[in-house]
Amino acid sequence: MDRLYFRPLVIEDKEQLLYIYSDKDAMQYRGSKPLETIEEAENMVLQAHKEWDSRAKMRMAVIEKDTDVLIGTAMYFFESPAAVEIGFSIGRDFWKYGYGQEGTEGLMEYIKANEPEVTTIVGIARSGNEKSLKMMANIGFVEVLDYEVEGKRRFELTVNG
């Protein structure tokens, strides 16, 4: 990635996480409700560490290189031994710079390098999330047309194979 890097979330990220994840409009397509308190943001960091250690979910901070500012998070979790679902959230202040695509491509490279057994990367987007839908198509994800979860669309990309 040219302008971004990943690192583990740390407790000091809690204020920026609260700022990003409390924006109801920006977070409308996420699977969980927006954060409301600094304690929830701190718990998000602590939960990320627990999930990382157990390999239940791998969530990382996404940092803008030039400013060293946390702009969002990237995560993946295993659907099966050979398939991971990815997720990427960035704060509204960092929209329209191409960070979503750059970060998603960086996350895919991270997975290919660190999870060699993975052959399928999955992206799920809500039907109204046009930016994510367009980005996944641009990267080369293919929509799974028989996916039957109301209001969501599933995309897959074959890797390491």
C-alpha atoms as a PDB file:
ATOM      1  CA  MET A   1       0.000   0.000   0.000  1.00  0.00           C
ATOM      2  CA  ASP A   2       1.378   3.383  -0.906  1.00  0.00           C
ATOM      3  CA  ARG A   3      -0.500   5.649   1.498  1.00  0.00           C
ATOM      4  CA  LEU A   4      -1.722   3.305   4.226  1.00  0.00           C
ATOM      5  CA  TYR A   5      -0.431   0.652   6.590  1.00  0.00           C
ATOM      6  CA  PHE A   6      -1.910  -1.799   9.073  1.00  0.00           C
ATOM      7  CA  ARG A   7      -1.014  -2.207  12.722  1.00  0.00           C
ATOM      8  CA  PRO A   8      -2.644  -3.735  15.790  1.00  0.00           C
ATOM      9  CA  LEU A   9      -5.301  -1.640  17.500  1.00  0.00           C
ATOM     10  CA  VAL A  10      -4.113  -0.082  20.772  1.00  0.00           C
ATOM     11  CA  ILE A  11      -6.025   1.484  23.668  1.00  0.00           C
ATOM     12  CA  GLU A  12      -4.788   4.910  22.570  1.00  0.00           C
ATOM     13  CA  ASP A  13      -6.933   4.493  19.427  1.00  0.00           C
ATOM     14  CA  LYS A  14     -10.157   4.646  21.439  1.00  0.00           C
ATOM     15  CA  GLU A  15     -10.872   8.367  20.869  1.00  0.00           C
ATOM     16  CA  GLN A  16     -10.409   8.116  17.104  1.00  0.00           C
ATOM     17  CA  LEU A  17     -12.404   4.873  16.989  1.00  0.00           C
ATOM     18  CA  LEU A  18     -15.255   6.568  18.840  1.00  0.00           C
ATOM     19  CA  TYR A  19     -15.114   9.512  16.430  1.00  0.00           C
ATOM     20  CA  ILE A  20     -15.228   7.233  13.375  1.00  0.00           C
ATOM     21  CA  TYR A  21     -17.623   4.577  14.631  1.00  0.00           C
ATOM     22  CA  SER A  22     -20.154   6.910  16.254  1.00  0.00           C
ATOM     23  CA  ASP A  23     -21.008   8.526  12.896  1.00  0.00           C
ATOM     24  CA  LYS A  24     -24.400   6.939  12.236  1.00  0.00           C
ATOM     25  CA  ASP A  25     -24.485   7.855   8.547  1.00  0.00           C
ATOM     26  CA  ALA A  26     -20.944   6.655   7.874  1.00  0.00           C
ATOM     27  CA  MET A  27     -21.540   3.379   9.712  1.00  0.00           C
ATOM     28  CA  GLN A  28     -25.020   2.648   8.310  1.00  0.00           C
ATOM     29  CA  TYR A  29     -23.822  -0.363   6.304  1.00  0.00           C
ATOM     30  CA  ARG A  30     -21.920  -2.076   9.134  1.00  0.00           C
ATOM     31  CA  GLY A  31     -23.297  -5.146  10.834  1.00  0.00           C
ATOM     32  CA  SER A  32     -23.215  -3.643  14.335  1.00  0.00           C
ATOM     33  CA  LYS A  33     -24.649  -0.476  15.820  1.00  0.00           C
ATOM     34  CA  PRO A  34     -22.573   2.727  16.009  1.00  0.00           C
ATOM     35  CA  LEU A  35     -20.456   3.283  19.102  1.00  0.00           C
ATOM     36  CA  GLU A  36     -21.844   5.688  21.699  1.00  0.00           C
ATOM     37  CA  THR A  37     -19.265   5.842  24.503  1.00  0.00           C
ATOM     38  CA  ILE A  38     -15.511   5.851  24.995  1.00  0.00           C
ATOM     39  CA  GLU A  39     -15.945   2.634  26.979  1.00  0.00           C
ATOM     40  CA  GLU A  40     -17.449   0.949  23.923  1.00  0.00           C
ATOM     41  CA  ALA A  41     -14.465   2.088  21.863  1.00  0.00           C
ATOM     42  CA  GLU A  42     -12.068   0.737  24.478  1.00  0.00           C
ATOM     43  CA  ASN A  43     -13.988  -2.550  24.515  1.00  0.00           C
ATOM     44  CA  MET A  44     -13.684  -2.681  20.727  1.00  0.00           C
ATOM     45  CA  VAL A  45      -9.883  -2.611  21.096  1.00  0.00           C
ATOM     46  CA  LEU A  46      -9.868  -5.224  23.858  1.00  0.00           C
ATOM     47  CA  GLN A  47     -12.245  -7.461  21.895  1.00  0.00           C
ATOM     48  CA  ALA A  48     -10.053  -7.139  18.798  1.00  0.00           C
ATOM     49  CA  HIS A  49      -7.078  -8.444  20.798  1.00  0.00           C
ATOM     50  CA  LYS A  50      -9.060 -11.399  22.192  1.00  0.00           C
ATOM     51  CA  GLU A  51     -10.411 -12.307  18.768  1.00  0.00           C
ATOM     52  CA  TRP A  52      -6.950 -11.996  17.189  1.00  0.00           C
ATOM     53  CA  ASP A  53      -5.401 -14.263  19.820  1.00  0.00           C
ATOM     54  CA  SER A  54      -8.095 -16.905  19.278  1.00  0.00           C
ATOM     55  CA  ARG A  55      -8.035 -16.353  15.484  1.00  0.00           C
ATOM     56  CA  ALA A  56     -11.794 -15.786  15.588  1.00  0.00           C
ATOM     57  CA  LYS A  57     -11.482 -12.428  13.818  1.00  0.00           C
ATOM     58  CA  MET A  58      -8.414 -10.528  12.688  1.00  0.00           C
ATOM     59  CA  ARG A  59      -9.069  -6.768  13.061  1.00  0.00           C
ATOM     60  CA  MET A  60      -6.326  -4.191  12.422  1.00  0.00           C
ATOM     61  CA  ALA A  61      -6.006  -0.436  12.520  1.00  0.00           C
ATOM     62  CA  VAL A  62      -5.737   1.256   9.124  1.00  0.00           C
ATOM     63  CA  ILE A  63      -3.281   4.149   9.359  1.00  0.00           C
ATOM     64  CA  GLU A  64      -2.607   6.984   6.917  1.00  0.00           C
ATOM     65  CA  LYS A  65       1.184   7.001   6.401  1.00  0.00           C
ATOM     66  CA  ASP A  66       1.639  10.761   5.949  1.00  0.00           C
ATOM     67  CA  THR A  67      -0.184  11.740   9.143  1.00  0.00           C
ATOM     68  CA  ASP A  68       0.019   8.548  11.238  1.00  0.00           C
ATOM     69  CA  VAL A  69      -3.728   8.969  11.872  1.00  0.00           C
ATOM     70  CA  LEU A  70      -6.075   6.008  12.295  1.00  0.00           C
ATOM     71  CA  ILE A  71      -8.628   6.272   9.478  1.00  0.00           C
ATOM     72  CA  GLY A  72     -10.542   3.039  10.107  1.00  0.00           C
ATOM     73  CA  THR A  73     -10.203  -0.693  10.542  1.00  0.00           C
ATOM     74  CA  ALA A  74      -9.770  -3.726   8.343  1.00  0.00           C
ATOM     75  CA  MET A  75     -10.736  -7.226   9.380  1.00  0.00           C
ATOM     76  CA  TYR A  76     -11.180 -10.756   8.196  1.00  0.00           C
ATOM     77  CA  PHE A  77     -12.495 -13.970   9.649  1.00  0.00           C
ATOM     78  CA  PHE A  78     -12.580 -17.547   8.457  1.00  0.00           C
ATOM     79  CA  GLU A  79     -15.828 -18.831   6.954  1.00  0.00           C
ATOM     80  CA  SER A  80     -14.074 -22.152   6.366  1.00  0.00           C
ATOM     81  CA  PRO A  81     -10.422 -23.275   6.333  1.00  0.00           C
ATOM     82  CA  ALA A  82     -10.109 -22.042   2.733  1.00  0.00           C
ATOM     83  CA  ALA A  83     -12.363 -18.952   2.752  1.00  0.00           C
ATOM     84  CA  VAL A  84     -12.245 -15.648   4.606  1.00  0.00           C
ATOM     85  CA  GLU A  85     -14.756 -12.840   4.706  1.00  0.00           C
ATOM     86  CA  ILE A  86     -13.236  -9.370   4.753  1.00  0.00           C
ATOM     87  CA  GLY A  87     -14.515  -6.065   6.047  1.00  0.00           C
ATOM     88  CA  PHE A  88     -13.177  -2.541   5.796  1.00  0.00           C
ATOM     89  CA  SER A  89     -14.521   0.624   7.439  1.00  0.00           C
ATOM     90  CA  ILE A  90     -13.130   4.126   7.098  1.00  0.00           C
ATOM     91  CA  GLY A  91     -14.191   7.378   8.663  1.00  0.00           C
ATOM     92  CA  ARG A  92     -16.110   9.962   6.670  1.00  0.00           C
ATOM     93  CA  ASP A  93     -13.172  12.414   6.781  1.00  0.00           C
ATOM     94  CA  PHE A  94     -11.193   9.990   4.623  1.00  0.00           C
ATOM     95  CA  TRP A  95     -13.773   9.208   1.950  1.00  0.00           C
ATOM     96  CA  LYS A  96     -13.185  10.001  -1.732  1.00  0.00           C
ATOM     97  CA  TYR A  97      -9.411   9.484  -1.609  1.00  0.00           C
ATOM     98  CA  GLY A  98      -9.410   5.896  -2.870  1.00  0.00           C
ATOM     99  CA  TYR A  99      -8.478   4.579   0.573  1.00  0.00           C
ATOM    100  CA  GLY A 100     -11.258   1.986   0.549  1.00  0.00           C
ATOM    101  CA  GLN A 101      -9.899   0.281  -2.542  1.00  0.00           C
ATOM    102  CA  GLU A 102      -6.246   0.692  -1.547  1.00  0.00           C
ATOM    103  CA  GLY A 103      -6.927  -0.709   1.908  1.00  0.00           C
ATOM    104  CA  THR A 104      -9.021  -3.593   0.626  1.00  0.00           C
ATOM    105  CA  GLU A 105      -6.344  -4.542  -1.894  1.00  0.00           C
ATOM    106  CA  GLY A 106      -3.737  -4.278   0.881  1.00  0.00           C
ATOM    107  CA  LEU A 107      -5.823  -6.522   3.114  1.00  0.00           C
ATOM    108  CA  MET A 108      -6.106  -9.068   0.318  1.00  0.00           C
ATOM    109  CA  GLU A 109      -2.313  -9.038  -0.124  1.00  0.00           C
ATOM    110  CA  TYR A 110      -1.886  -9.472   3.635  1.00  0.00           C
ATOM    111  CA  ILE A 111      -4.208 -12.494   3.576  1.00  0.00           C
ATOM    112  CA  LYS A 112      -2.435 -14.040   0.580  1.00  0.00           C
ATOM    113  CA  ALA A 113       0.938 -13.653   2.321  1.00  0.00           C
ATOM    114  CA  ASN A 114      -0.140 -14.772   5.804  1.00  0.00           C
ATOM    115  CA  GLU A 115      -2.927 -17.284   5.169  1.00  0.00           C
ATOM    116  CA  PRO A 116      -1.639 -19.525   2.334  1.00  0.00           C
ATOM    117  CA  GLU A 117      -4.502 -22.017   2.778  1.00  0.00           C
ATOM    118  CA  VAL A 118      -7.045 -19.379   1.765  1.00  0.00           C
ATOM    119  CA  THR A 119      -8.321 -19.768  -1.786  1.00  0.00           C
ATOM    120  CA  THR A 120     -11.433 -17.577  -1.590  1.00  0.00           C
ATOM    121  CA  ILE A 121     -11.885 -14.052  -0.281  1.00  0.00           C
ATOM    122  CA  VAL A 122     -15.487 -13.039   0.329  1.00  0.00           C
ATOM    123  CA  GLY A 123     -16.963  -9.565   0.497  1.00  0.00           C
ATOM    124  CA  ILE A 124     -20.512  -8.924   1.662  1.00  0.00           C
ATOM    125  CA  ALA A 125     -22.157  -5.583   0.955  1.00  0.00           C
ATOM    126  CA  ARG A 126     -25.601  -4.255   1.694  1.00  0.00           C
ATOM    127  CA  SER A 127     -27.585  -3.662  -1.480  1.00  0.00           C
ATOM    128  CA  GLY A 128     -27.635   0.131  -1.009  1.00  0.00           C
ATOM    129  CA  ASN A 129     -23.889   0.468  -0.426  1.00  0.00           C
ATOM    130  CA  GLU A 130     -23.075   1.519  -3.981  1.00  0.00           C
ATOM    131  CA  LYS A 131     -19.478   2.556  -3.201  1.00  0.00           C
ATOM    132  CA  SER A 132     -18.593  -0.882  -1.832  1.00  0.00           C
ATOM    133  CA  LEU A 133     -20.409  -2.676  -4.631  1.00  0.00           C
ATOM    134  CA  LYS A 134     -18.534  -0.660  -7.258  1.00  0.00           C
ATOM    135  CA  MET A 135     -15.189  -1.096  -5.496  1.00  0.00           C
ATOM    136  CA  MET A 136     -15.536  -4.885  -5.301  1.00  0.00           C
ATOM    137  CA  ALA A 137     -16.357  -5.042  -9.001  1.00  0.00           C
ATOM    138  CA  ASN A 138     -13.312  -2.857  -9.780  1.00  0.00           C
ATOM    139  CA  ILE A 139     -11.024  -5.174  -7.803  1.00  0.00           C
ATOM    140  CA  GLY A 140     -12.333  -8.258  -9.616  1.00  0.00           C
ATOM    141  CA  PHE A 141     -14.763  -9.806  -7.153  1.00  0.00           C
ATOM    142  CA  VAL A 142     -17.564 -11.789  -8.797  1.00  0.00           C
ATOM    143  CA  GLU A 143     -21.090 -11.649  -7.421  1.00  0.00           C
ATOM    144  CA  VAL A 144     -22.600 -14.913  -6.178  1.00  0.00           C
ATOM    145  CA  LEU A 145     -26.057 -14.655  -7.678  1.00  0.00           C
ATOM    146  CA  ASP A 146     -27.736 -17.400  -5.631  1.00  0.00           C
ATOM    147  CA  TYR A 147     -26.848 -15.781  -2.294  1.00  0.00           C
ATOM    148  CA  GLU A 148     -30.094 -15.432  -0.391  1.00  0.00           C
ATOM    149  CA  VAL A 149     -29.686 -13.038   2.500  1.00  0.00           C
ATOM    150  CA  GLU A 150     -32.186 -10.213   2.307  1.00  0.00           C
ATOM    151  CA  GLY A 151     -30.625  -6.840   1.632  1.00  0.00           C
ATOM    152  CA  LYS A 152     -27.096  -8.189   1.178  1.00  0.00           C
ATOM    153  CA  ARG A 153     -25.003  -9.194  -1.807  1.00  0.00           C
ATOM    154  CA  ARG A 154     -22.067 -11.628  -1.731  1.00  0.00           C
ATOM    155  CA  PHE A 155     -18.939 -11.356  -3.845  1.00  0.00           C
ATOM    156  CA  GLU A 156     -16.017 -13.761  -4.110  1.00  0.00           C
ATOM    157  CA  LEU A 157     -12.467 -13.605  -5.423  1.00  0.00           C
ATOM    158  CA  THR A 158     -10.220 -16.623  -5.986  1.00  0.00           C
ATOM    159  CA  VAL A 159      -6.652 -16.290  -4.661  1.00  0.00           C
ATOM    160  CA  ASN A 160      -3.636 -18.513  -3.954  1.00  0.00           C
ATOM    161  CA  GLY A 161      -4.868 -21.025  -6.460  1.00  0.00           C
END
